[in-house]
């Protein structure tokens, strides 16, 4: 088997797995979404607080 085809096959399998993963594990996906939302809220709150004090973190 050609190495190029093998790498393409791995990519297609990974892409397919990401597509079906939400259907297989809906509870976990909701959990991860909630974690992402909470992290984003925390990050934005910190950025707002930094903006009010006049400091900016990078």
PDB file of N, CA and C in Angstrom:
ATOM      1  N   UNK A   1       0.836  -1.182   0.000  1.00  0.00           N
ATOM      2  CA  UNK A   1       0.000   0.000   0.000  1.00  0.00           C
ATOM      3  C   UNK A   1       0.880   1.244   0.000  1.00  0.00           C
ATOM      4  N   UNK A   2       0.497   2.208  -0.751  1.00  0.00           N
ATOM      5  CA  UNK A   2       1.244   3.455  -0.860  1.00  0.00           C
ATOM      6  C   UNK A   2       1.089   4.271   0.427  1.00  0.00           C
ATOM      7  N   UNK A   3       2.196   4.854   0.879  1.00  0.00           N
ATOM      8  CA  UNK A   3       2.171   5.631   2.123  1.00  0.00           C
ATOM      9  C   UNK A   3       1.201   6.801   2.028  1.00  0.00           C
ATOM     10  N   UNK A   4       1.137   7.440   0.879  1.00  0.00           N
ATOM     11  CA  UNK A   4       0.251   8.575   0.679  1.00  0.00           C
ATOM     12  C   UNK A   4      -1.211   8.151   0.870  1.00  0.00           C
ATOM     13  N   UNK A   5      -1.599   7.030   0.304  1.00  0.00           N
ATOM     14  CA  UNK A   5      -2.965   6.534   0.456  1.00  0.00           C
ATOM     15  C   UNK A   5      -3.269   6.165   1.902  1.00  0.00           C
ATOM     16  N   UNK A   6      -2.278   5.611   2.581  1.00  0.00           N
ATOM     17  CA  UNK A   6      -2.473   5.223   3.973  1.00  0.00           C
ATOM     18  C   UNK A   6      -2.750   6.448   4.838  1.00  0.00           C
ATOM     19  N   UNK A   7      -1.987   7.514   4.650  1.00  0.00           N
ATOM     20  CA  UNK A   7      -2.210   8.734   5.423  1.00  0.00           C
ATOM     21  C   UNK A   7      -3.572   9.334   5.113  1.00  0.00           C
ATOM     22  N   UNK A   8      -3.979   9.332   3.875  1.00  0.00           N
ATOM     23  CA  UNK A   8      -5.299   9.830   3.497  1.00  0.00           C
ATOM     24  C   UNK A   8      -6.402   9.011   4.145  1.00  0.00           C
ATOM     25  N   UNK A   9      -6.188   7.720   4.233  1.00  0.00           N
ATOM     26  CA  UNK A   9      -7.165   6.841   4.882  1.00  0.00           C
ATOM     27  C   UNK A   9      -7.299   7.150   6.358  1.00  0.00           C
ATOM     28  N   UNK A  10      -6.184   7.425   7.016  1.00  0.00           N
ATOM     29  CA  UNK A  10      -6.230   7.779   8.441  1.00  0.00           C
ATOM     30  C   UNK A  10      -6.981   9.083   8.632  1.00  0.00           C
ATOM     31  N   UNK A  11      -6.783  10.022   7.716  1.00  0.00           N
ATOM     32  CA  UNK A  11      -7.475  11.303   7.816  1.00  0.00           C
ATOM     33  C   UNK A  11      -8.983  11.102   7.646  1.00  0.00           C
ATOM     34  N   UNK A  12      -9.354  10.300   6.660  1.00  0.00           N
ATOM     35  CA  UNK A  12     -10.776  10.058   6.420  1.00  0.00           C
ATOM     36  C   UNK A  12     -11.418   9.365   7.609  1.00  0.00           C
ATOM     37  N   UNK A  13     -10.729   8.413   8.206  1.00  0.00           N
ATOM     38  CA  UNK A  13     -11.262   7.715   9.368  1.00  0.00           C
ATOM     39  C   UNK A  13     -11.423   8.686  10.531  1.00  0.00           C
ATOM     40  N   UNK A  14     -10.435   9.543  10.761  1.00  0.00           N
ATOM     41  CA  UNK A  14     -10.522  10.527  11.842  1.00  0.00           C
ATOM     42  C   UNK A  14     -11.652  11.504  11.607  1.00  0.00           C
ATOM     43  N   UNK A  15     -11.817  11.931  10.387  1.00  0.00           N
ATOM     44  CA  UNK A  15     -12.895  12.855  10.041  1.00  0.00           C
ATOM     45  C   UNK A  15     -14.250  12.188  10.259  1.00  0.00           C
ATOM     46  N   UNK A  16     -14.358  10.943   9.854  1.00  0.00           N
ATOM     47  CA  UNK A  16     -15.605  10.202  10.031  1.00  0.00           C
ATOM     48  C   UNK A  16     -15.898  10.013  11.517  1.00  0.00           C
ATOM     49  N   UNK A  17     -14.888   9.699  12.306  1.00  0.00           N
ATOM     50  CA  UNK A  17     -15.081   9.502  13.745  1.00  0.00           C
ATOM     51  C   UNK A  17     -15.611  10.775  14.391  1.00  0.00           C
ATOM     52  N   UNK A  18     -15.084  11.937  14.015  1.00  0.00           N
ATOM     53  CA  UNK A  18     -15.574  13.193  14.571  1.00  0.00           C
ATOM     54  C   UNK A  18     -17.028  13.417  14.198  1.00  0.00           C
ATOM     55  N   UNK A  19     -17.424  12.962  13.026  1.00  0.00           N
ATOM     56  CA  UNK A  19     -18.802  13.125  12.577  1.00  0.00           C
ATOM     57  C   UNK A  19     -19.757  12.274  13.402  1.00  0.00           C
ATOM     58  N   UNK A  20     -19.391  11.012  13.661  1.00  0.00           N
ATOM     59  CA  UNK A  20     -20.311  10.120  14.367  1.00  0.00           C
ATOM     60  C   UNK A  20     -20.178  10.193  15.880  1.00  0.00           C
ATOM     61  N   UNK A  21     -19.112  10.785  16.382  1.00  0.00           N
ATOM     62  CA  UNK A  21     -18.864  10.800  17.815  1.00  0.00           C
ATOM     63  C   UNK A  21     -20.009  11.463  18.588  1.00  0.00           C
ATOM     64  N   UNK A  22     -20.552  12.552  18.078  1.00  0.00           N
ATOM     65  CA  UNK A  22     -21.653  13.231  18.755  1.00  0.00           C
ATOM     66  C   UNK A  22     -22.860  12.316  18.894  1.00  0.00           C
ATOM     67  N   UNK A  23     -23.110  11.511  17.898  1.00  0.00           N
ATOM     68  CA  UNK A  23     -24.262  10.608  17.950  1.00  0.00           C
ATOM     69  C   UNK A  23     -24.037   9.473  18.931  1.00  0.00           C
ATOM     70  N   UNK A  24     -22.797   9.033  19.080  1.00  0.00           N
ATOM     71  CA  UNK A  24     -22.513   7.910  19.958  1.00  0.00           C
ATOM     72  C   UNK A  24     -22.475   8.311  21.425  1.00  0.00           C
ATOM     73  N   UNK A  25     -22.017   9.524  21.719  1.00  0.00           N
ATOM     74  CA  UNK A  25     -21.834   9.957  23.098  1.00  0.00           C
ATOM     75  C   UNK A  25     -22.492  11.316  23.343  1.00  0.00           C
ATOM     76  N   UNK A  26     -23.819  11.416  23.240  1.00  0.00           N
ATOM     77  CA  UNK A  26     -24.467  12.728  23.376  1.00  0.00           C
ATOM     78  C   UNK A  26     -24.293  13.346  24.767  1.00  0.00           C
ATOM     79  N   UNK A  27     -24.288  12.523  25.828  1.00  0.00           N
ATOM     80  CA  UNK A  27     -24.126  13.061  27.176  1.00  0.00           C
ATOM     81  C   UNK A  27     -22.747  13.690  27.348  1.00  0.00           C
ATOM     82  N   UNK A  28     -21.740  12.991  26.869  1.00  0.00           N
ATOM     83  CA  UNK A  28     -20.375  13.513  26.965  1.00  0.00           C
ATOM     84  C   UNK A  28     -20.233  14.805  26.154  1.00  0.00           C
ATOM     85  N   UNK A  29     -20.856  14.836  24.998  1.00  0.00           N
ATOM     86  CA  UNK A  29     -20.776  16.023  24.154  1.00  0.00           C
ATOM     87  C   UNK A  29     -21.430  17.218  24.855  1.00  0.00           C
ATOM     88  N   UNK A  30     -22.575  17.000  25.486  1.00  0.00           N
ATOM     89  CA  UNK A  30     -23.226  18.082  26.232  1.00  0.00           C
ATOM     90  C   UNK A  30     -22.348  18.546  27.386  1.00  0.00           C
ATOM     91  N   UNK A  31     -21.725  17.587  28.060  1.00  0.00           N
ATOM     92  CA  UNK A  31     -20.818  17.907  29.161  1.00  0.00           C
ATOM     93  C   UNK A  31     -19.652  18.775  28.684  1.00  0.00           C
ATOM     94  N   UNK A  32     -19.061  18.387  27.565  1.00  0.00           N
ATOM     95  CA  UNK A  32     -17.935  19.145  27.026  1.00  0.00           C
ATOM     96  C   UNK A  32     -18.380  20.531  26.558  1.00  0.00           C
ATOM     97  N   UNK A  33     -19.567  20.624  25.981  1.00  0.00           N
ATOM     98  CA  UNK A  33     -20.093  21.925  25.573  1.00  0.00           C
ATOM     99  C   UNK A  33     -20.274  22.830  26.779  1.00  0.00           C
ATOM    100  N   UNK A  34     -20.817  22.288  27.867  1.00  0.00           N
ATOM    101  CA  UNK A  34     -21.027  23.090  29.077  1.00  0.00           C
ATOM    102  C   UNK A  34     -19.689  23.543  29.671  1.00  0.00           C
ATOM    103  N   UNK A  35     -18.685  22.663  29.656  1.00  0.00           N
ATOM    104  CA  UNK A  35     -17.355  23.038  30.144  1.00  0.00           C
ATOM    105  C   UNK A  35     -16.781  24.165  29.296  1.00  0.00           C
ATOM    106  N   UNK A  36     -16.956  24.062  27.977  1.00  0.00           N
ATOM    107  CA  UNK A  36     -16.452  25.097  27.084  1.00  0.00           C
ATOM    108  C   UNK A  36     -17.153  26.428  27.363  1.00  0.00           C
ATOM    109  N   UNK A  37     -18.465  26.385  27.544  1.00  0.00           N
ATOM    110  CA  UNK A  37     -19.235  27.603  27.810  1.00  0.00           C
ATOM    111  C   UNK A  37     -18.794  28.240  29.119  1.00  0.00           C
ATOM    112  N   UNK A  38     -18.624  27.435  30.154  1.00  0.00           N
ATOM    113  CA  UNK A  38     -18.180  27.965  31.450  1.00  0.00           C
ATOM    114  C   UNK A  38     -16.782  28.572  31.352  1.00  0.00           C
ATOM    115  N   UNK A  39     -15.897  27.906  30.636  1.00  0.00           N
ATOM    116  CA  UNK A  39     -14.534  28.419  30.467  1.00  0.00           C
ATOM    117  C   UNK A  39     -14.552  29.744  29.703  1.00  0.00           C
ATOM    118  N   UNK A  40     -15.381  29.818  28.680  1.00  0.00           N
ATOM    119  CA  UNK A  40     -15.479  31.052  27.898  1.00  0.00           C
ATOM    120  C   UNK A  40     -16.044  32.198  28.742  1.00  0.00           C
ATOM    121  N   UNK A  41     -17.050  31.902  29.559  1.00  0.00           N
ATOM    122  CA  UNK A  41     -17.614  32.924  30.452  1.00  0.00           C
ATOM    123  C   UNK A  41     -16.549  33.424  31.425  1.00  0.00           C
ATOM    124  N   UNK A  42     -15.772  32.484  31.989  1.00  0.00           N
ATOM    125  CA  UNK A  42     -14.718  32.850  32.932  1.00  0.00           C
ATOM    126  C   UNK A  42     -13.654  33.714  32.256  1.00  0.00           C
ATOM    127  N   UNK A  43     -13.265  33.302  31.047  1.00  0.00           N
ATOM    128  CA  UNK A  43     -12.249  34.048  30.312  1.00  0.00           C
ATOM    129  C   UNK A  43     -12.731  35.461  29.990  1.00  0.00           C
ATOM    130  N   UNK A  44     -13.976  35.586  29.571  1.00  0.00           N
ATOM    131  CA  UNK A  44     -14.515  36.906  29.253  1.00  0.00           C
ATOM    132  C   UNK A  44     -14.645  37.778  30.496  1.00  0.00           C
ATOM    133  N   UNK A  45     -15.038  37.180  31.613  1.00  0.00           N
ATOM    134  CA  UNK A  45     -15.144  37.935  32.859  1.00  0.00           C
ATOM    135  C   UNK A  45     -13.767  38.455  33.278  1.00  0.00           C
ATOM    136  N   UNK A  46     -12.741  37.622  33.148  1.00  0.00           N
ATOM    137  CA  UNK A  46     -11.382  38.051  33.475  1.00  0.00           C
ATOM    138  C   UNK A  46     -10.933  39.174  32.544  1.00  0.00           C
ATOM    139  N   UNK A  47     -11.264  39.059  31.261  1.00  0.00           N
ATOM    140  CA  UNK A  47     -10.882  40.092  30.297  1.00  0.00           C
ATOM    141  C   UNK A  47     -11.599  41.405  30.616  1.00  0.00           C
ATOM    142  N   UNK A  48     -12.874  41.322  30.987  1.00  0.00           N
ATOM    143  CA  UNK A  48     -13.616  42.533  31.357  1.00  0.00           C
ATOM    144  C   UNK A  48     -13.028  43.180  32.601  1.00  0.00           C
ATOM    145  N   UNK A  49     -12.685  42.352  33.591  1.00  0.00           N
ATOM    146  CA  UNK A  49     -12.092  42.873  34.825  1.00  0.00           C
ATOM    147  C   UNK A  49     -10.742  43.534  34.524  1.00  0.00           C
ATOM    148  N   UNK A  50      -9.954  42.910  33.667  1.00  0.00           N
ATOM    149  CA  UNK A  50      -8.645  43.465  33.307  1.00  0.00           C
ATOM    150  C   UNK A  50      -8.824  44.782  32.551  1.00  0.00           C
ATOM    151  N   UNK A  51      -9.822  44.840  31.703  1.00  0.00           N
ATOM    152  CA  UNK A  51     -10.078  46.051  30.943  1.00  0.00           C
ATOM    153  C   UNK A  51     -10.473  47.192  31.887  1.00  0.00           C
ATOM    154  N   UNK A  52     -11.247  46.887  32.912  1.00  0.00           N
ATOM    155  CA  UNK A  52     -11.679  47.910  33.868  1.00  0.00           C
ATOM    156  C   UNK A  52     -10.523  48.431  34.686  1.00  0.00           C
ATOM    157  N   UNK A  53      -9.550  47.574  34.983  1.00  0.00           N
ATOM    158  CA  UNK A  53      -8.392  48.005  35.776  1.00  0.00           C
ATOM    159  C   UNK A  53      -7.297  48.591  34.888  1.00  0.00           C
ATOM    160  N   UNK A  54      -7.443  48.431  33.589  1.00  0.00           N
ATOM    161  CA  UNK A  54      -6.471  49.017  32.672  1.00  0.00           C
ATOM    162  C   UNK A  54      -5.317  48.097  32.334  1.00  0.00           C
ATOM    163  N   UNK A  55      -5.372  46.822  32.733  1.00  0.00           N
ATOM    164  CA  UNK A  55      -4.330  45.865  32.373  1.00  0.00           C
ATOM    165  C   UNK A  55      -4.878  44.905  31.332  1.00  0.00           C
ATOM    166  N   UNK A  56      -4.004  44.455  30.463  1.00  0.00           N
ATOM    167  CA  UNK A  56      -4.409  43.509  29.423  1.00  0.00           C
ATOM    168  C   UNK A  56      -3.432  42.344  29.471  1.00  0.00           C
ATOM    169  N   UNK A  57      -3.979  41.118  29.518  1.00  0.00           N
ATOM    170  CA  UNK A  57      -3.096  39.939  29.489  1.00  0.00           C
ATOM    171  C   UNK A  57      -3.080  39.387  28.086  1.00  0.00           C
ATOM    172  N   UNK A  58      -1.942  38.842  27.691  1.00  0.00           N
ATOM    173  CA  UNK A  58      -1.832  38.267  26.348  1.00  0.00           C
ATOM    174  C   UNK A  58      -1.486  36.838  26.431  1.00  0.00           C
TER     175      UNK A  58
END
